[in-house]
């Protein structure tokens, strides 16, 4: 019929790439690279001290919980999604309760047994740290 595939599908004639002149368009500085850098920083995000105490919570058998790893959640000790914008690269620790029980969750984010309290917040380094700051 004499039409190229592009013309047939679009219904409009479309020049081949070799027929296009240089339009002189230059990409903006940064472009996609700067956008990605905002969401994927070169230095990994660090947890911050949310509180300097533990929080007692009741876990219910079979329920899945997401413990806040970043320390920025307003619903301590659980995640509210704050890490998405404030601490990209960190994500909550997911766990499923095996039995209904009361447990103490860490809120200083320095525990060696996440998500559970292990007394780490009593250390001088944690006690001297400001709330909202990394250790």
N, C-alpha and C. Protein backbone atom coordinates (compact mmCIF):
# COMPACT_ATOMS: atom_id res chain seq x y z
N UNK A 1 0.83 -1.19 0.00
CA UNK A 1 0.00 0.00 0.00
C UNK A 1 0.87 1.25 0.00
N UNK A 2 2.15 1.12 0.41
CA UNK A 2 3.05 2.26 0.34
C UNK A 2 3.20 3.02 1.65
N UNK A 3 2.61 2.53 2.74
CA UNK A 3 2.77 3.20 4.04
C UNK A 3 3.75 2.41 4.90
N UNK A 4 4.55 3.15 5.70
CA UNK A 4 5.42 2.45 6.65
C UNK A 4 4.56 1.97 7.82
N UNK A 5 5.11 1.09 8.64
CA UNK A 5 4.37 0.57 9.80
C UNK A 5 3.95 1.72 10.73
N UNK A 6 4.84 2.70 10.94
CA UNK A 6 4.52 3.82 11.83
C UNK A 6 3.34 4.61 11.28
N UNK A 7 3.33 4.88 10.00
CA UNK A 7 2.22 5.63 9.41
C UNK A 7 0.93 4.84 9.51
N UNK A 8 1.01 3.55 9.29
CA UNK A 8 -0.19 2.72 9.33
C UNK A 8 -0.81 2.73 10.71
N UNK A 9 0.02 2.56 11.78
CA UNK A 9 -0.52 2.48 13.13
C UNK A 9 -0.96 3.82 13.68
N UNK A 10 -0.26 4.89 13.38
CA UNK A 10 -0.61 6.18 13.96
C UNK A 10 -1.65 6.91 13.12
N UNK A 11 -1.73 6.54 11.84
CA UNK A 11 -2.65 7.25 10.98
C UNK A 11 -2.05 8.54 10.46
N UNK A 12 -0.87 8.92 10.96
CA UNK A 12 -0.22 10.14 10.53
C UNK A 12 1.15 9.80 9.96
N UNK A 13 1.58 10.49 8.95
CA UNK A 13 2.92 10.23 8.43
C UNK A 13 3.96 10.60 9.48
N UNK A 14 4.98 9.80 9.60
CA UNK A 14 6.02 10.04 10.59
C UNK A 14 7.36 9.84 9.91
N UNK A 15 8.23 10.84 9.94
CA UNK A 15 9.51 10.70 9.26
C UNK A 15 10.40 9.67 9.97
N UNK A 16 11.25 9.04 9.22
CA UNK A 16 12.19 8.10 9.82
C UNK A 16 13.21 8.91 10.62
N UNK A 17 13.87 8.30 11.62
CA UNK A 17 14.83 9.04 12.44
C UNK A 17 15.92 9.74 11.63
N UNK A 18 16.33 9.17 10.52
CA UNK A 18 17.36 9.80 9.69
C UNK A 18 16.89 11.07 9.02
N UNK A 19 15.58 11.25 8.85
CA UNK A 19 15.04 12.44 8.20
C UNK A 19 14.83 13.60 9.17
N UNK A 20 14.97 13.34 10.49
CA UNK A 20 14.75 14.41 11.47
C UNK A 20 16.00 15.28 11.57
N UNK A 21 15.81 16.58 11.59
CA UNK A 21 16.94 17.48 11.80
C UNK A 21 17.19 17.59 13.29
N UNK A 22 18.34 18.08 13.69
CA UNK A 22 18.66 18.26 15.11
C UNK A 22 17.81 19.41 15.64
N UNK A 23 16.87 19.15 16.53
CA UNK A 23 15.99 20.20 17.00
C UNK A 23 16.66 21.14 17.99
N UNK A 24 17.87 20.84 18.46
CA UNK A 24 18.58 21.73 19.38
C UNK A 24 18.07 21.64 20.80
N UNK A 25 17.36 20.60 21.13
CA UNK A 25 16.83 20.45 22.48
C UNK A 25 17.91 19.79 23.35
N UNK A 26 18.18 20.41 24.48
CA UNK A 26 19.17 19.86 25.40
C UNK A 26 18.44 19.43 26.68
N UNK A 27 18.87 18.32 27.26
CA UNK A 27 18.22 17.89 28.50
C UNK A 27 18.51 18.88 29.63
N UNK A 28 17.55 18.99 30.58
CA UNK A 28 17.74 19.86 31.73
C UNK A 28 18.89 19.31 32.57
N UNK A 29 19.54 20.21 33.29
CA UNK A 29 20.61 19.78 34.18
C UNK A 29 20.03 18.84 35.23
N UNK A 30 20.70 17.74 35.46
CA UNK A 30 20.25 16.78 36.47
C UNK A 30 19.28 15.78 35.90
N UNK A 31 18.18 16.26 35.35
CA UNK A 31 17.17 15.38 34.77
C UNK A 31 16.79 14.24 35.69
N UNK A 32 16.71 13.06 35.13
CA UNK A 32 16.32 11.87 35.88
C UNK A 32 17.34 11.53 36.95
N UNK A 33 18.60 11.88 36.70
CA UNK A 33 19.65 11.56 37.66
C UNK A 33 19.42 12.26 38.99
N UNK A 34 19.08 13.54 38.96
CA UNK A 34 18.86 14.27 40.22
C UNK A 34 17.60 13.76 40.91
N UNK A 35 16.60 13.39 40.16
CA UNK A 35 15.38 12.84 40.75
C UNK A 35 15.67 11.52 41.45
N UNK A 36 16.44 10.65 40.79
CA UNK A 36 16.80 9.38 41.39
C UNK A 36 17.66 9.57 42.64
N UNK A 37 18.56 10.53 42.60
CA UNK A 37 19.44 10.78 43.75
C UNK A 37 18.62 11.17 44.97
N UNK A 38 17.52 11.87 44.75
CA UNK A 38 16.66 12.25 45.87
C UNK A 38 16.04 11.02 46.52
N UNK A 39 15.66 10.03 45.73
CA UNK A 39 14.99 8.85 46.25
C UNK A 39 15.95 7.72 46.57
N UNK A 40 17.12 7.71 45.94
CA UNK A 40 18.11 6.67 46.18
C UNK A 40 19.44 7.31 46.53
N UNK A 41 19.56 7.84 47.75
CA UNK A 41 20.79 8.54 48.11
C UNK A 41 22.01 7.62 48.11
N UNK A 42 23.19 8.22 47.90
CA UNK A 42 24.42 7.44 47.86
C UNK A 42 24.79 6.92 49.25
N UNK A 43 24.51 7.72 50.27
CA UNK A 43 24.79 7.26 51.63
C UNK A 43 23.52 6.65 52.21
N UNK A 44 23.63 5.47 52.78
CA UNK A 44 22.43 4.82 53.30
C UNK A 44 21.83 5.60 54.47
N UNK A 45 20.52 5.55 54.56
CA UNK A 45 19.81 6.23 55.64
C UNK A 45 20.13 5.54 56.96
N UNK A 46 20.10 6.30 58.04
CA UNK A 46 20.35 5.75 59.37
C UNK A 46 19.10 5.90 60.21
N UNK A 47 18.92 4.96 61.10
CA UNK A 47 17.83 5.05 62.05
C UNK A 47 18.10 6.20 63.01
N UNK A 48 17.03 6.78 63.53
CA UNK A 48 17.17 7.82 64.54
C UNK A 48 16.51 7.36 65.83
N UNK A 49 16.93 7.95 66.93
CA UNK A 49 16.37 7.61 68.23
C UNK A 49 14.96 8.19 68.32
N UNK A 50 13.97 7.31 68.43
CA UNK A 50 12.59 7.77 68.56
C UNK A 50 12.29 8.13 70.01
N UNK A 51 12.60 7.22 70.90
CA UNK A 51 12.42 7.40 72.35
C UNK A 51 13.58 6.71 73.06
N UNK A 52 13.72 6.97 74.33
CA UNK A 52 14.81 6.34 75.10
C UNK A 52 14.24 5.36 76.11
N UNK A 53 13.14 4.76 75.77
CA UNK A 53 12.49 3.76 76.62
C UNK A 53 11.99 2.64 75.72
N UNK A 54 11.47 1.62 76.36
CA UNK A 54 10.82 0.56 75.58
C UNK A 54 9.32 0.83 75.59
N UNK A 55 8.62 0.17 74.71
CA UNK A 55 7.15 0.27 74.68
C UNK A 55 6.60 -1.14 74.79
N UNK A 56 5.69 -1.33 75.75
CA UNK A 56 5.05 -2.63 75.90
C UNK A 56 3.85 -2.70 74.97
N UNK A 57 3.80 -3.78 74.19
CA UNK A 57 2.69 -3.98 73.25
C UNK A 57 2.17 -5.40 73.37
N UNK A 58 0.90 -5.56 73.08
CA UNK A 58 0.31 -6.90 73.07
C UNK A 58 0.28 -7.38 71.63
N UNK A 59 0.91 -8.52 71.39
CA UNK A 59 0.89 -9.16 70.07
C UNK A 59 -0.21 -10.21 70.07
N UNK A 60 -0.95 -10.29 68.97
CA UNK A 60 -2.04 -11.24 68.84
C UNK A 60 -1.64 -12.35 67.86
N UNK A 61 -1.87 -13.58 68.26
CA UNK A 61 -1.52 -14.74 67.46
C UNK A 61 -1.97 -14.58 66.01
N UNK A 62 -1.03 -14.82 65.09
CA UNK A 62 -1.34 -14.81 63.66
C UNK A 62 -1.32 -13.44 63.01
N UNK A 63 -1.28 -12.37 63.79
CA UNK A 63 -1.28 -11.02 63.22
C UNK A 63 0.14 -10.62 62.81
N UNK A 64 0.25 -9.93 61.66
CA UNK A 64 1.54 -9.47 61.17
C UNK A 64 1.77 -8.04 61.65
N UNK A 65 2.97 -7.78 62.14
CA UNK A 65 3.34 -6.45 62.65
C UNK A 65 4.54 -5.94 61.88
N UNK A 66 4.61 -4.61 61.75
CA UNK A 66 5.74 -3.97 61.09
C UNK A 66 6.39 -3.02 62.09
N UNK A 67 7.56 -3.42 62.59
CA UNK A 67 8.29 -2.62 63.57
C UNK A 67 9.02 -1.51 62.84
N UNK A 68 8.90 -0.29 63.33
CA UNK A 68 9.57 0.86 62.74
C UNK A 68 11.08 0.73 62.90
N UNK A 69 11.80 0.74 61.80
CA UNK A 69 13.25 0.65 61.82
C UNK A 69 13.88 2.04 61.77
N UNK A 70 13.23 2.98 61.09
CA UNK A 70 13.84 4.30 60.88
C UNK A 70 13.77 5.20 62.11
N UNK A 71 12.79 4.99 62.99
CA UNK A 71 12.64 5.82 64.18
C UNK A 71 11.82 7.07 63.97
N UNK A 72 11.26 7.25 62.79
CA UNK A 72 10.51 8.47 62.48
C UNK A 72 8.99 8.32 62.57
N UNK A 73 8.53 7.11 62.79
CA UNK A 73 7.09 6.87 62.88
C UNK A 73 6.49 7.58 64.09
N UNK A 74 5.32 8.15 63.92
CA UNK A 74 4.60 8.77 65.03
C UNK A 74 3.78 7.73 65.78
N UNK A 75 3.81 6.48 65.31
CA UNK A 75 3.06 5.39 65.93
C UNK A 75 4.02 4.37 66.53
N UNK A 76 5.06 4.83 67.23
CA UNK A 76 6.04 3.91 67.80
C UNK A 76 5.36 2.84 68.63
N UNK A 77 5.76 1.66 68.57
CA UNK A 77 6.96 1.11 67.97
C UNK A 77 6.70 0.60 66.55
N UNK A 78 5.55 0.90 66.00
CA UNK A 78 5.19 0.37 64.69
C UNK A 78 5.35 1.39 63.58
N UNK A 79 5.48 0.89 62.37
CA UNK A 79 5.70 1.71 61.17
C UNK A 79 4.43 2.42 60.74
N UNK A 80 4.58 3.69 60.33
CA UNK A 80 3.46 4.42 59.72
C UNK A 80 3.81 4.89 58.31
N UNK A 81 4.93 4.40 57.77
CA UNK A 81 5.33 4.75 56.41
C UNK A 81 6.24 5.97 56.32
N UNK A 82 6.64 6.57 57.43
CA UNK A 82 7.50 7.76 57.41
C UNK A 82 8.81 7.52 56.70
N UNK A 83 9.33 6.29 56.74
CA UNK A 83 10.61 5.98 56.11
C UNK A 83 10.59 6.24 54.61
N UNK A 84 9.43 6.16 54.00
CA UNK A 84 9.34 6.29 52.56
C UNK A 84 9.88 7.64 52.08
N UNK A 85 9.52 8.71 52.80
CA UNK A 85 9.97 10.04 52.40
C UNK A 85 11.18 10.53 53.19
N UNK A 86 11.27 10.13 54.45
CA UNK A 86 12.31 10.69 55.31
C UNK A 86 13.56 9.82 55.42
N UNK A 87 13.44 8.54 55.16
CA UNK A 87 14.58 7.63 55.27
C UNK A 87 14.56 6.59 54.17
N UNK A 88 14.64 7.02 52.89
CA UNK A 88 14.61 6.03 51.81
C UNK A 88 15.75 5.02 51.99
N UNK A 89 15.46 3.79 51.73
CA UNK A 89 16.46 2.75 51.89
C UNK A 89 16.21 1.91 53.14
N UNK A 90 15.44 2.45 54.08
CA UNK A 90 15.08 1.69 55.26
C UNK A 90 13.65 1.20 55.09
N UNK A 91 13.37 0.04 55.62
CA UNK A 91 12.01 -0.47 55.57
C UNK A 91 11.72 -1.19 56.88
N UNK A 92 10.45 -1.30 57.23
CA UNK A 92 10.10 -1.90 58.52
C UNK A 92 10.45 -3.37 58.61
N UNK A 93 10.62 -3.84 59.84
CA UNK A 93 10.87 -5.25 60.10
C UNK A 93 9.52 -5.92 60.30
N UNK A 94 9.20 -6.84 59.41
CA UNK A 94 7.92 -7.53 59.45
C UNK A 94 8.03 -8.82 60.26
N UNK A 95 7.05 -9.05 61.11
CA UNK A 95 7.02 -10.31 61.87
C UNK A 95 5.59 -10.71 62.15
N UNK A 96 5.39 -12.00 62.31
CA UNK A 96 4.06 -12.54 62.58
C UNK A 96 4.06 -13.15 63.97
N UNK A 97 3.11 -12.74 64.79
CA UNK A 97 3.05 -13.24 66.17
C UNK A 97 2.70 -14.72 66.19
N UNK A 98 3.49 -15.49 66.91
CA UNK A 98 3.27 -16.93 67.05
C UNK A 98 2.30 -17.24 68.17
N UNK A 99 2.17 -16.28 69.11
CA UNK A 99 1.23 -16.45 70.22
C UNK A 99 0.82 -15.08 70.72
N UNK A 100 -0.30 -15.02 71.41
CA UNK A 100 -0.74 -13.77 72.00
C UNK A 100 0.05 -13.55 73.28
N UNK A 101 0.74 -12.40 73.36
CA UNK A 101 1.56 -12.12 74.54
C UNK A 101 1.92 -10.64 74.59
N UNK A 102 2.39 -10.21 75.75
CA UNK A 102 2.90 -8.85 75.93
C UNK A 102 4.42 -8.90 75.71
N UNK A 103 4.93 -7.96 74.94
CA UNK A 103 6.38 -7.87 74.71
C UNK A 103 6.80 -6.42 74.84
N UNK A 104 8.08 -6.20 75.04
CA UNK A 104 8.64 -4.85 75.08
C UNK A 104 9.41 -4.64 73.78
N UNK A 105 9.01 -3.61 73.02
CA UNK A 105 9.69 -3.28 71.78
C UNK A 105 10.64 -2.11 72.01
N UNK A 106 11.77 -2.15 71.33
CA UNK A 106 12.78 -1.10 71.40
C UNK A 106 12.31 0.13 70.62
N UNK A 107 12.56 1.31 71.15
CA UNK A 107 12.26 2.54 70.40
C UNK A 107 13.50 3.41 70.18
N UNK A 108 14.66 2.99 70.74
CA UNK A 108 15.88 3.76 70.48
C UNK A 108 16.52 3.30 69.17
N UNK A 109 16.06 2.15 68.66
CA UNK A 109 16.49 1.56 67.37
C UNK A 109 17.93 1.05 67.39
N UNK A 110 18.50 0.88 68.59
CA UNK A 110 19.87 0.38 68.69
C UNK A 110 19.92 -1.03 69.26
N UNK A 111 18.77 -1.65 69.47
CA UNK A 111 18.74 -3.00 70.03
C UNK A 111 19.53 -3.99 69.18
N UNK A 112 20.09 -4.97 69.83
CA UNK A 112 20.79 -6.04 69.13
C UNK A 112 19.85 -7.20 68.82
N UNK A 113 18.60 -7.09 69.28
CA UNK A 113 17.59 -8.14 69.07
C UNK A 113 16.30 -7.54 68.52
N UNK A 114 16.38 -6.86 67.38
CA UNK A 114 15.18 -6.20 66.86
C UNK A 114 14.05 -7.19 66.61
N UNK A 115 12.84 -6.83 66.91
CA UNK A 115 12.35 -5.54 67.39
C UNK A 115 12.31 -5.42 68.91
N UNK A 116 12.87 -6.40 69.60
CA UNK A 116 12.67 -6.48 71.04
C UNK A 116 13.65 -5.62 71.84
N UNK A 117 13.18 -5.14 72.95
CA UNK A 117 13.96 -4.37 73.91
C UNK A 117 15.04 -5.26 74.51
N UNK A 118 16.27 -4.74 74.58
CA UNK A 118 17.35 -5.51 75.20
C UNK A 118 18.15 -4.68 76.20
N UNK A 119 17.63 -3.50 76.55
CA UNK A 119 18.31 -2.64 77.51
C UNK A 119 19.32 -1.68 76.90
N UNK A 120 19.49 -1.70 75.59
CA UNK A 120 20.48 -0.85 74.91
C UNK A 120 20.25 0.63 75.19
N UNK A 121 18.99 1.05 75.33
CA UNK A 121 18.73 2.47 75.52
C UNK A 121 19.30 3.01 76.83
N UNK A 122 19.72 2.15 77.73
CA UNK A 122 20.31 2.58 79.00
C UNK A 122 21.78 2.98 78.83
N UNK A 123 22.38 2.63 77.68
CA UNK A 123 23.78 2.98 77.45
C UNK A 123 23.94 4.50 77.37
N UNK A 124 25.10 4.96 77.78
CA UNK A 124 25.38 6.40 77.81
C UNK A 124 25.22 7.05 76.43
N UNK A 125 25.67 6.35 75.38
CA UNK A 125 25.58 6.90 74.02
C UNK A 125 24.13 7.21 73.64
N UNK A 126 23.21 6.32 74.00
CA UNK A 126 21.80 6.53 73.68
C UNK A 126 21.22 7.62 74.57
N UNK A 127 21.53 7.60 75.85
CA UNK A 127 20.98 8.59 76.77
C UNK A 127 21.43 10.01 76.44
N UNK A 128 22.64 10.16 75.88
CA UNK A 128 23.15 11.49 75.52
C UNK A 128 22.63 11.96 74.16
N UNK A 129 22.14 11.03 73.36
CA UNK A 129 21.66 11.39 72.02
C UNK A 129 20.35 12.17 72.12
N UNK A 130 20.16 13.08 71.18
CA UNK A 130 18.90 13.83 71.12
C UNK A 130 17.87 12.99 70.39
N UNK A 131 16.61 13.13 70.80
CA UNK A 131 15.54 12.42 70.10
C UNK A 131 15.53 12.90 68.65
N UNK A 132 15.37 11.97 67.72
CA UNK A 132 15.35 12.32 66.30
C UNK A 132 16.72 12.36 65.65
N UNK A 133 17.77 12.07 66.43
CA UNK A 133 19.11 12.08 65.85
C UNK A 133 19.64 10.66 65.72
N UNK A 134 20.50 10.41 64.74
CA UNK A 134 21.09 9.07 64.60
C UNK A 134 22.14 8.83 65.67
N UNK A 135 22.40 7.57 65.95
CA UNK A 135 23.46 7.24 66.93
C UNK A 135 24.80 7.16 66.24
